[in-house]
Amino acid sequence: MDDVVLNKLESLTRCIGRIESKQPFSVEQLKNNYDLQDIISINLERAIQLCVDIGSHILAIKNLPAPNSLRTTFKTHVET
């Protein structure tokens, strides 16, 4: 695995760890704590972006066409 992917995976691990460490005890706690909501949503957004970046990087190093949307970054296209 190349360094770009490894670095992004390390960042992804940190984001997921941060989300897990801030997991509320209840829905009520999450509803009432805007700082907690911000920490979770920002790290979730970062984690998603890192996954897209990793997918895009893999497509690029394999000389595959760039996706036309974030969703298609993760679709597998098999020619028959």
Protein backbone atom coordinates (compact mmCIF):
# COMPACT_ATOMS: atom_id res chain seq x y z
CA MET A 1 0.00 0.00 0.00
CA ASP A 2 1.39 3.43 -0.82
CA ASP A 3 2.10 6.21 1.65
CA VAL A 4 -0.86 8.35 0.60
CA VAL A 5 -3.34 5.60 1.42
CA LEU A 6 -1.54 4.72 4.65
CA ASN A 7 -1.59 8.34 5.83
CA LYS A 8 -5.27 8.69 4.99
CA LEU A 9 -6.05 5.43 6.81
CA GLU A 10 -4.24 6.76 9.89
CA SER A 11 -6.34 9.92 9.74
CA LEU A 12 -9.47 7.84 9.26
CA THR A 13 -8.60 5.77 12.32
CA ARG A 14 -8.22 8.96 14.37
CA CYS A 15 -11.59 10.29 13.21
CA ILE A 16 -13.35 7.04 14.05
CA GLY A 17 -11.62 6.94 17.43
CA ARG A 18 -12.76 10.47 18.15
CA ILE A 19 -16.35 9.59 17.23
CA GLU A 20 -16.24 6.49 19.43
CA SER A 21 -14.75 8.40 22.35
CA LYS A 22 -17.56 10.98 22.20
CA GLN A 23 -20.41 8.51 21.79
CA PRO A 24 -23.22 9.75 24.00
CA PHE A 25 -24.83 7.61 26.67
CA SER A 26 -28.28 8.46 25.37
CA VAL A 27 -30.11 10.23 22.58
CA GLU A 28 -31.15 12.84 25.15
CA GLN A 29 -27.51 13.61 25.93
CA LEU A 30 -26.77 14.07 22.24
CA LYS A 31 -29.83 16.29 21.74
CA ASN A 32 -28.79 18.62 24.54
CA ASN A 33 -25.06 18.84 23.87
CA TYR A 34 -24.24 20.94 20.81
CA ASP A 35 -20.49 20.59 21.30
CA LEU A 36 -20.85 16.81 21.23
CA GLN A 37 -22.97 17.07 18.08
CA ASP A 38 -20.29 19.22 16.45
CA ILE A 39 -17.44 16.88 17.37
CA ILE A 40 -19.29 13.84 16.06
CA SER A 41 -20.55 15.48 12.86
CA ILE A 42 -17.21 17.06 11.96
CA ASN A 43 -15.32 13.82 12.48
CA LEU A 44 -17.96 11.87 10.57
CA GLU A 45 -17.67 14.34 7.69
CA ARG A 46 -13.87 14.04 7.77
CA ALA A 47 -14.07 10.25 7.81
CA ILE A 48 -16.36 10.22 4.79
CA GLN A 49 -14.10 12.62 2.89
CA LEU A 50 -11.06 10.48 3.71
CA CYS A 51 -12.84 7.41 2.31
CA VAL A 52 -13.64 9.32 -0.89
CA ASP A 53 -10.02 10.52 -1.10
CA ILE A 54 -8.72 6.97 -0.68
CA GLY A 55 -11.09 5.67 -3.35
CA SER A 56 -10.15 8.46 -5.76
CA HIS A 57 -6.46 7.86 -5.17
CA ILE A 58 -6.82 4.14 -5.86
CA LEU A 59 -8.72 4.86 -9.07
CA ALA A 60 -5.99 7.28 -10.15
CA ILE A 61 -3.08 4.91 -9.50
CA LYS A 62 -4.92 2.16 -11.39
CA ASN A 63 -5.49 4.58 -14.30
CA LEU A 64 -9.24 4.16 -14.06
CA PRO A 65 -11.63 6.95 -15.04
CA ALA A 66 -12.40 9.57 -12.45
CA PRO A 67 -15.82 9.13 -10.89
CA ASN A 68 -18.55 11.58 -11.86
CA SER A 69 -19.91 11.68 -8.30
CA LEU A 70 -18.78 10.83 -4.79
CA ARG A 71 -21.02 7.78 -4.77
CA THR A 72 -19.53 6.34 -7.94
CA THR A 73 -16.10 6.40 -6.33
CA PHE A 74 -17.15 3.20 -4.59
CA LYS A 75 -19.03 1.46 -7.39
CA THR A 76 -17.32 -1.46 -9.04
CA HIS A 77 -17.63 -1.54 -12.79
CA VAL A 78 -17.04 -4.92 -14.36
CA GLU A 79 -17.03 -5.33 -18.09
CA THR A 80 -18.56 -8.51 -19.42
